[in-house]
Amino acid sequence: MARMKRTVKVLPTIWEVNDELWNIIEIILEELDPQAAVGRPRTGQREALNGIIYQMRTGCQWNHLPRQFGDDSSVHRTMQRWIAKGVFEHIWAELIENCDDLGGVDWEWQSADGAMGKARFGGIASARIPPIVRKMAQNAA
């Protein structure tokens, strides 16, 4: 008997963080990257996250971010700070946990990616070069 194919509700592509998702992410940001008590005020965290999502989805250069996300260098600095503090790993873990409750993660499906390139400078220099056997043509004397 054939197995029934599981139907999964297709979720829309995220271009900006909605209010429900922001409530989850804001808790993580308050714990790992609280606002500084002194100094210049930082760029808005939600606008920065939306700018990071926009840049990652489109692949545009940082200096071509639309103005609605704030200053491009501030958004980039925010992303670098969050990477150093492990914010994205915590967000990812929380989203997977919530998505698993929805049944949106297909744990059976897997993918692998790889790349091949030339060996620079001919490979390992200390490797032994195998001898080449000389071939004699049939009409050679």
N, C-alpha and C. Protein backbone atom coordinates (compact mmCIF):
# COMPACT_ATOMS: atom_id res chain seq x y z
N MET A 1 0.84 -1.17 0.00
CA MET A 1 0.00 0.00 0.00
C MET A 1 0.89 1.24 0.00
N ALA A 2 0.57 2.21 -0.83
CA ALA A 2 1.38 3.42 -0.96
C ALA A 2 1.17 4.34 0.24
N ARG A 3 2.26 5.01 0.60
CA ARG A 3 2.17 5.96 1.71
C ARG A 3 1.49 7.23 1.25
N MET A 4 0.75 7.82 2.15
CA MET A 4 0.12 9.10 1.85
C MET A 4 1.20 10.18 1.92
N LYS A 5 1.21 11.05 0.94
CA LYS A 5 2.18 12.14 0.94
C LYS A 5 1.74 13.18 1.96
N ARG A 6 2.69 13.57 2.79
CA ARG A 6 2.40 14.55 3.83
C ARG A 6 2.26 15.93 3.20
N THR A 7 1.20 16.61 3.51
CA THR A 7 1.01 17.97 3.01
C THR A 7 1.51 18.94 4.06
N VAL A 8 2.33 19.84 3.62
CA VAL A 8 2.91 20.85 4.50
C VAL A 8 2.40 22.20 4.06
N LYS A 9 1.95 22.98 5.03
CA LYS A 9 1.50 24.33 4.73
C LYS A 9 2.71 25.18 4.35
N VAL A 10 2.72 25.70 3.15
CA VAL A 10 3.84 26.50 2.67
C VAL A 10 3.75 27.88 3.31
N LEU A 11 4.82 28.26 3.98
CA LEU A 11 4.86 29.56 4.64
C LEU A 11 5.39 30.61 3.67
N PRO A 12 4.92 31.83 3.76
CA PRO A 12 5.41 32.87 2.85
C PRO A 12 6.87 33.23 3.15
N THR A 13 7.54 33.75 2.15
CA THR A 13 8.92 34.19 2.31
C THR A 13 8.98 35.41 3.22
N ILE A 14 9.91 35.39 4.15
CA ILE A 14 10.04 36.49 5.10
C ILE A 14 10.93 37.57 4.50
N TRP A 15 10.40 38.77 4.36
CA TRP A 15 11.17 39.93 3.93
C TRP A 15 11.37 40.89 5.09
N GLU A 16 10.40 40.92 6.00
CA GLU A 16 10.50 41.74 7.21
C GLU A 16 9.91 40.94 8.36
N VAL A 17 10.38 41.23 9.55
CA VAL A 17 9.95 40.50 10.74
C VAL A 17 8.57 41.01 11.15
N ASN A 18 7.60 40.09 11.27
CA ASN A 18 6.27 40.50 11.72
C ASN A 18 6.26 40.62 13.25
N ASP A 19 5.14 41.10 13.80
CA ASP A 19 5.07 41.36 15.24
C ASP A 19 5.20 40.09 16.07
N GLU A 20 4.58 39.01 15.63
CA GLU A 20 4.64 37.75 16.38
C GLU A 20 6.07 37.22 16.45
N LEU A 21 6.78 37.25 15.33
CA LEU A 21 8.17 36.79 15.29
C LEU A 21 9.07 37.75 16.07
N TRP A 22 8.80 39.04 15.98
CA TRP A 22 9.62 40.02 16.69
C TRP A 22 9.53 39.82 18.20
N ASN A 23 8.36 39.46 18.71
CA ASN A 23 8.21 39.22 20.15
C ASN A 23 9.12 38.09 20.62
N ILE A 24 9.32 37.08 19.79
CA ILE A 24 10.22 35.97 20.12
C ILE A 24 11.68 36.43 20.07
N ILE A 25 12.02 37.15 19.01
CA ILE A 25 13.42 37.57 18.81
C ILE A 25 13.82 38.65 19.81
N GLU A 26 12.89 39.51 20.17
CA GLU A 26 13.20 40.60 21.09
C GLU A 26 13.67 40.09 22.45
N ILE A 27 13.09 38.98 22.91
CA ILE A 27 13.50 38.38 24.19
C ILE A 27 14.96 37.93 24.11
N ILE A 28 15.33 37.32 22.98
CA ILE A 28 16.70 36.86 22.80
C ILE A 28 17.66 38.05 22.76
N LEU A 29 17.28 39.11 22.05
CA LEU A 29 18.14 40.29 21.95
C LEU A 29 18.29 41.01 23.29
N GLU A 30 17.24 41.05 24.09
CA GLU A 30 17.35 41.68 25.41
C GLU A 30 18.34 40.93 26.30
N GLU A 31 18.41 39.61 26.12
CA GLU A 31 19.32 38.80 26.93
C GLU A 31 20.76 38.88 26.42
N LEU A 32 20.96 38.76 25.11
CA LEU A 32 22.31 38.65 24.57
C LEU A 32 22.91 39.98 24.12
N ASP A 33 22.09 40.95 23.74
CA ASP A 33 22.61 42.22 23.23
C ASP A 33 21.76 43.37 23.77
N PRO A 34 21.82 43.63 25.09
CA PRO A 34 21.01 44.72 25.66
C PRO A 34 21.53 46.07 25.19
N GLN A 35 20.64 47.06 25.25
CA GLN A 35 21.03 48.42 24.88
C GLN A 35 22.10 48.93 25.84
N ALA A 36 23.07 49.66 25.31
CA ALA A 36 24.14 50.21 26.13
C ALA A 36 23.59 51.30 27.04
N ALA A 37 24.10 51.36 28.28
CA ALA A 37 23.63 52.36 29.25
C ALA A 37 24.19 53.74 28.94
N VAL A 38 25.38 53.79 28.35
CA VAL A 38 26.01 55.08 28.05
C VAL A 38 26.41 55.11 26.59
N GLY A 39 26.72 56.29 26.10
CA GLY A 39 27.18 56.42 24.73
C GLY A 39 26.04 56.77 23.78
N ARG A 40 26.39 56.82 22.51
CA ARG A 40 25.39 57.15 21.49
C ARG A 40 24.37 56.03 21.38
N PRO A 41 23.11 56.37 21.14
CA PRO A 41 22.10 55.33 20.98
C PRO A 41 22.36 54.52 19.70
N ARG A 42 22.15 53.22 19.79
CA ARG A 42 22.34 52.35 18.63
C ARG A 42 21.17 52.48 17.67
N THR A 43 21.36 51.92 16.49
CA THR A 43 20.28 51.85 15.53
C THR A 43 19.21 50.89 16.06
N GLY A 44 17.99 51.04 15.60
CA GLY A 44 16.91 50.19 16.07
C GLY A 44 17.16 48.72 15.72
N GLN A 45 16.95 47.84 16.69
CA GLN A 45 17.25 46.43 16.46
C GLN A 45 16.34 45.80 15.42
N ARG A 46 15.07 46.17 15.44
CA ARG A 46 14.13 45.59 14.47
C ARG A 46 14.46 46.06 13.06
N GLU A 47 14.76 47.35 12.90
CA GLU A 47 15.13 47.86 11.58
C GLU A 47 16.43 47.21 11.10
N ALA A 48 17.37 47.02 12.03
CA ALA A 48 18.64 46.37 11.66
C ALA A 48 18.40 44.93 11.21
N LEU A 49 17.55 44.21 11.94
CA LEU A 49 17.26 42.82 11.56
C LEU A 49 16.57 42.78 10.20
N ASN A 50 15.63 43.69 9.96
CA ASN A 50 14.98 43.75 8.65
C ASN A 50 15.99 44.08 7.55
N GLY A 51 16.95 44.96 7.84
CA GLY A 51 17.99 45.28 6.86
C GLY A 51 18.90 44.09 6.58
N ILE A 52 19.22 43.32 7.62
CA ILE A 52 20.05 42.12 7.44
C ILE A 52 19.30 41.10 6.59
N ILE A 53 18.03 40.91 6.87
CA ILE A 53 17.22 39.97 6.08
C ILE A 53 17.15 40.43 4.62
N TYR A 54 16.94 41.72 4.42
CA TYR A 54 16.87 42.26 3.05
C TYR A 54 18.18 42.03 2.31
N GLN A 55 19.29 42.31 2.97
CA GLN A 55 20.59 42.15 2.31
C GLN A 55 20.86 40.69 1.99
N MET A 56 20.52 39.79 2.90
CA MET A 56 20.77 38.36 2.67
C MET A 56 19.84 37.81 1.57
N ARG A 57 18.62 38.28 1.51
CA ARG A 57 17.67 37.78 0.51
C ARG A 57 18.01 38.30 -0.88
N THR A 58 18.43 39.57 -0.97
CA THR A 58 18.68 40.17 -2.29
C THR A 58 20.12 40.02 -2.74
N GLY A 59 21.05 39.95 -1.78
CA GLY A 59 22.47 39.89 -2.14
C GLY A 59 23.03 41.24 -2.52
N CYS A 60 22.31 42.32 -2.22
CA CYS A 60 22.79 43.65 -2.58
C CYS A 60 24.00 44.02 -1.70
N GLN A 61 24.73 45.02 -2.14
CA GLN A 61 25.83 45.51 -1.33
C GLN A 61 25.28 46.26 -0.13
N TRP A 62 26.06 46.27 0.94
CA TRP A 62 25.59 46.93 2.16
C TRP A 62 25.29 48.41 1.93
N ASN A 63 26.08 49.06 1.10
CA ASN A 63 25.86 50.50 0.88
C ASN A 63 24.67 50.76 -0.04
N HIS A 64 23.98 49.72 -0.49
CA HIS A 64 22.78 49.90 -1.30
C HIS A 64 21.51 49.53 -0.56
N LEU A 65 21.59 49.39 0.76
CA LEU A 65 20.39 49.12 1.55
C LEU A 65 19.44 50.31 1.46
N PRO A 66 18.14 50.06 1.35
CA PRO A 66 17.19 51.18 1.36
C PRO A 66 17.24 51.93 2.69
N ARG A 67 16.94 53.20 2.66
CA ARG A 67 17.02 54.07 3.84
C ARG A 67 16.10 53.62 4.97
N GLN A 68 15.04 52.87 4.66
CA GLN A 68 14.08 52.47 5.70
C GLN A 68 14.71 51.60 6.77
N PHE A 69 15.88 50.99 6.47
CA PHE A 69 16.55 50.12 7.43
C PHE A 69 17.58 50.86 8.27
N GLY A 70 17.76 52.14 8.02
CA GLY A 70 18.73 52.91 8.77
C GLY A 70 20.06 52.99 8.03
N ASP A 71 21.07 53.47 8.73
CA ASP A 71 22.40 53.64 8.14
C ASP A 71 22.99 52.27 7.82
N ASP A 72 23.52 52.13 6.61
CA ASP A 72 24.02 50.83 6.16
C ASP A 72 25.18 50.33 7.01
N SER A 73 26.09 51.20 7.41
CA SER A 73 27.23 50.74 8.22
C SER A 73 26.77 50.35 9.63
N SER A 74 25.73 51.02 10.15
CA SER A 74 25.20 50.64 11.46
C SER A 74 24.55 49.26 11.40
N VAL A 75 23.83 48.99 10.33
CA VAL A 75 23.20 47.67 10.16
C VAL A 75 24.28 46.59 10.06
N HIS A 76 25.33 46.88 9.30
CA HIS A 76 26.42 45.92 9.15
C HIS A 76 27.15 45.68 10.47
N ARG A 77 27.42 46.76 11.21
CA ARG A 77 28.06 46.61 12.53
C ARG A 77 27.18 45.81 13.48
N THR A 78 25.87 46.04 13.43
CA THR A 78 24.95 45.28 14.27
C THR A 78 25.02 43.80 13.93
N MET A 79 25.04 43.49 12.64
CA MET A 79 25.14 42.08 12.24
C MET A 79 26.45 41.47 12.74
N GLN A 80 27.56 42.17 12.61
CA GLN A 80 28.84 41.65 13.07
C GLN A 80 28.84 41.44 14.58
N ARG A 81 28.24 42.36 15.32
CA ARG A 81 28.15 42.22 16.78
C ARG A 81 27.30 41.01 17.15
N TRP A 82 26.18 40.82 16.45
CA TRP A 82 25.30 39.68 16.74
C TRP A 82 25.97 38.35 16.40
N ILE A 83 26.76 38.33 15.33
CA ILE A 83 27.50 37.11 14.99
C ILE A 83 28.50 36.79 16.10
N ALA A 84 29.23 37.80 16.57
CA ALA A 84 30.22 37.58 17.62
C ALA A 84 29.58 37.10 18.92
N LYS A 85 28.37 37.58 19.22
CA LYS A 85 27.70 37.20 20.46
C LYS A 85 26.85 35.94 20.33
N GLY A 86 26.76 35.37 19.13
CA GLY A 86 25.99 34.14 18.94
C GLY A 86 24.49 34.35 18.92
N VAL A 87 24.05 35.55 18.59
CA VAL A 87 22.62 35.86 18.58
C VAL A 87 21.88 35.05 17.53
N PHE A 88 22.48 34.92 16.35
CA PHE A 88 21.79 34.22 15.26
C PHE A 88 21.60 32.73 15.57
N GLU A 89 22.55 32.12 16.27
CA GLU A 89 22.39 30.71 16.65
C GLU A 89 21.20 30.54 17.60
N HIS A 90 21.06 31.47 18.53
CA HIS A 90 19.93 31.40 19.47
C HIS A 90 18.60 31.64 18.75
N ILE A 91 18.59 32.60 17.84
CA ILE A 91 17.37 32.85 17.07
C ILE A 91 17.02 31.63 16.24
N TRP A 92 18.02 31.04 15.58
CA TRP A 92 17.81 29.86 14.74
C TRP A 92 17.25 28.70 15.56
N ALA A 93 17.82 28.47 16.74
CA ALA A 93 17.35 27.37 17.59
C ALA A 93 15.90 27.60 18.02
N GLU A 94 15.58 28.83 18.37
CA GLU A 94 14.21 29.14 18.79
C GLU A 94 13.22 28.98 17.63
N LEU A 95 13.62 29.41 16.44
CA LEU A 95 12.74 29.28 15.28
C LEU A 95 12.52 27.82 14.90
N ILE A 96 13.57 27.01 14.97
CA ILE A 96 13.41 25.59 14.66
C ILE A 96 12.49 24.93 15.67
N GLU A 97 12.64 25.28 16.92
CA GLU A 97 11.77 24.71 17.96
C GLU A 97 10.31 25.07 17.70
N ASN A 98 10.05 26.35 17.36
CA ASN A 98 8.69 26.77 17.07
C ASN A 98 8.18 26.20 15.76
N CYS A 99 9.05 26.08 14.77
CA CYS A 99 8.65 25.55 13.47
C CYS A 99 8.34 24.07 13.57
N ASP A 100 9.05 23.35 14.45
CA ASP A 100 8.81 21.93 14.63
C ASP A 100 7.41 21.69 15.17
N ASP A 101 6.93 22.61 16.02
CA ASP A 101 5.56 22.50 16.52
C ASP A 101 4.55 22.65 15.39
N LEU A 102 4.89 23.43 14.38
CA LEU A 102 3.99 23.61 13.24
C LEU A 102 4.09 22.48 12.24
N GLY A 103 5.10 21.64 12.37
CA GLY A 103 5.31 20.58 11.38
C GLY A 103 5.94 21.09 10.10
N GLY A 104 6.61 22.23 10.17
CA GLY A 104 7.18 22.85 8.98
C GLY A 104 8.58 22.40 8.65
N VAL A 105 9.20 21.56 9.47
CA VAL A 105 10.55 21.10 9.20
C VAL A 105 10.46 19.64 8.77
N ASP A 106 10.95 19.36 7.57
CA ASP A 106 10.97 17.99 7.07
C ASP A 106 12.33 17.38 7.42
N TRP A 107 12.38 16.64 8.51
CA TRP A 107 13.65 16.10 9.01
C TRP A 107 14.15 14.94 8.17
N GLU A 108 13.34 14.39 7.28
CA GLU A 108 13.76 13.27 6.42
C GLU A 108 14.58 13.75 5.23
N TRP A 109 14.32 14.97 4.79
CA TRP A 109 14.98 15.49 3.60
C TRP A 109 16.33 16.07 3.98
N GLN A 110 17.35 15.73 3.20
CA GLN A 110 18.69 16.25 3.47
C GLN A 110 19.31 16.70 2.17
N SER A 111 20.25 17.57 2.29
CA SER A 111 20.96 18.07 1.11
C SER A 111 22.42 18.28 1.47
N ALA A 112 23.27 18.15 0.49
CA ALA A 112 24.69 18.40 0.69
C ALA A 112 25.18 19.27 -0.46
N ASP A 113 26.16 20.07 -0.17
CA ASP A 113 26.72 20.95 -1.17
C ASP A 113 28.24 20.84 -1.10
N GLY A 114 28.89 20.97 -2.20
CA GLY A 114 30.34 20.89 -2.21
C GLY A 114 30.92 21.73 -3.32
N ALA A 115 32.21 21.87 -3.29
CA ALA A 115 32.89 22.64 -4.33
C ALA A 115 34.20 21.96 -4.64
N MET A 116 34.58 22.01 -5.89
CA MET A 116 35.86 21.44 -6.30
C MET A 116 36.65 22.53 -6.99
N GLY A 117 37.93 22.49 -6.79
CA GLY A 117 38.79 23.48 -7.42
C GLY A 117 40.13 22.89 -7.77
N LYS A 118 40.91 23.66 -8.50
CA LYS A 118 42.24 23.19 -8.89
C LYS A 118 43.17 23.16 -7.69
N ALA A 119 44.09 22.22 -7.69
CA ALA A 119 45.12 22.18 -6.66
C ALA A 119 46.15 23.25 -7.00
N ARG A 120 46.27 24.21 -6.14
CA ARG A 120 47.20 25.31 -6.39
C ARG A 120 48.64 24.79 -6.37
N PHE A 121 49.40 25.25 -7.30
CA PHE A 121 50.82 24.92 -7.41
C PHE A 121 51.05 23.42 -7.59
N GLY A 122 50.12 22.72 -8.16
CA GLY A 122 50.34 21.31 -8.50
C GLY A 122 50.13 20.35 -7.35
N GLY A 123 49.55 20.75 -6.25
CA GLY A 123 49.29 19.82 -5.16
C GLY A 123 50.42 19.79 -4.16
N ILE A 124 50.59 18.64 -3.51
CA ILE A 124 51.60 18.49 -2.46
C ILE A 124 52.98 18.35 -3.11
N ALA A 125 53.91 19.18 -2.70
CA ALA A 125 55.24 19.18 -3.30
C ALA A 125 56.06 17.98 -2.86
N SER A 126 55.78 17.42 -1.69
CA SER A 126 56.59 16.31 -1.19
C SER A 126 56.11 14.95 -1.70
N ALA A 127 55.02 14.92 -2.45
CA ALA A 127 54.50 13.64 -2.94
C ALA A 127 55.42 13.08 -4.01
N ARG A 128 55.58 11.75 -4.01
CA ARG A 128 56.43 11.08 -4.98
C ARG A 128 55.76 11.10 -6.35
N ILE A 129 56.52 11.41 -7.37
CA ILE A 129 55.99 11.44 -8.73
C ILE A 129 56.14 10.05 -9.32
N PRO A 130 55.02 9.46 -9.75
CA PRO A 130 55.11 8.10 -10.30
C PRO A 130 55.84 8.11 -11.65
N PRO A 131 56.63 7.06 -11.90
CA PRO A 131 57.36 7.00 -13.18
C PRO A 131 56.38 6.77 -14.34
N ILE A 132 56.71 7.33 -15.49
CA ILE A 132 55.90 7.16 -16.69
C ILE A 132 56.58 6.13 -17.57
N VAL A 133 55.85 5.09 -17.95
CA VAL A 133 56.41 4.04 -18.80
C VAL A 133 56.41 4.54 -20.22
N ARG A 134 57.59 4.37 -20.86
CA ARG A 134 57.71 4.81 -22.23
C ARG A 134 57.02 3.85 -23.14
N LYS A 135 56.18 4.35 -24.03
CA LYS A 135 55.49 3.48 -24.98
C LYS A 135 56.24 3.52 -26.30
N MET A 136 56.41 2.38 -26.84
CA MET A 136 57.09 2.27 -28.14
C MET A 136 56.03 2.06 -29.23
N ALA A 137 56.10 2.83 -30.27
CA ALA A 137 55.19 2.64 -31.39
C ALA A 137 55.55 1.35 -32.11
N GLN A 138 54.58 0.70 -32.74
CA GLN A 138 54.81 -0.57 -33.42
C GLN A 138 55.81 -0.45 -34.55
N ASN A 139 55.82 0.70 -35.24
CA ASN A 139 56.74 0.85 -36.40
C ASN A 139 58.07 1.43 -36.00
N ALA A 140 58.28 1.68 -34.69
CA ALA A 140 59.57 2.21 -34.25
C ALA A 140 60.61 1.10 -34.23
N ALA A 141 61.82 1.40 -34.65
CA ALA A 141 62.86 0.38 -34.71
C ALA A 141 63.72 0.37 -33.49
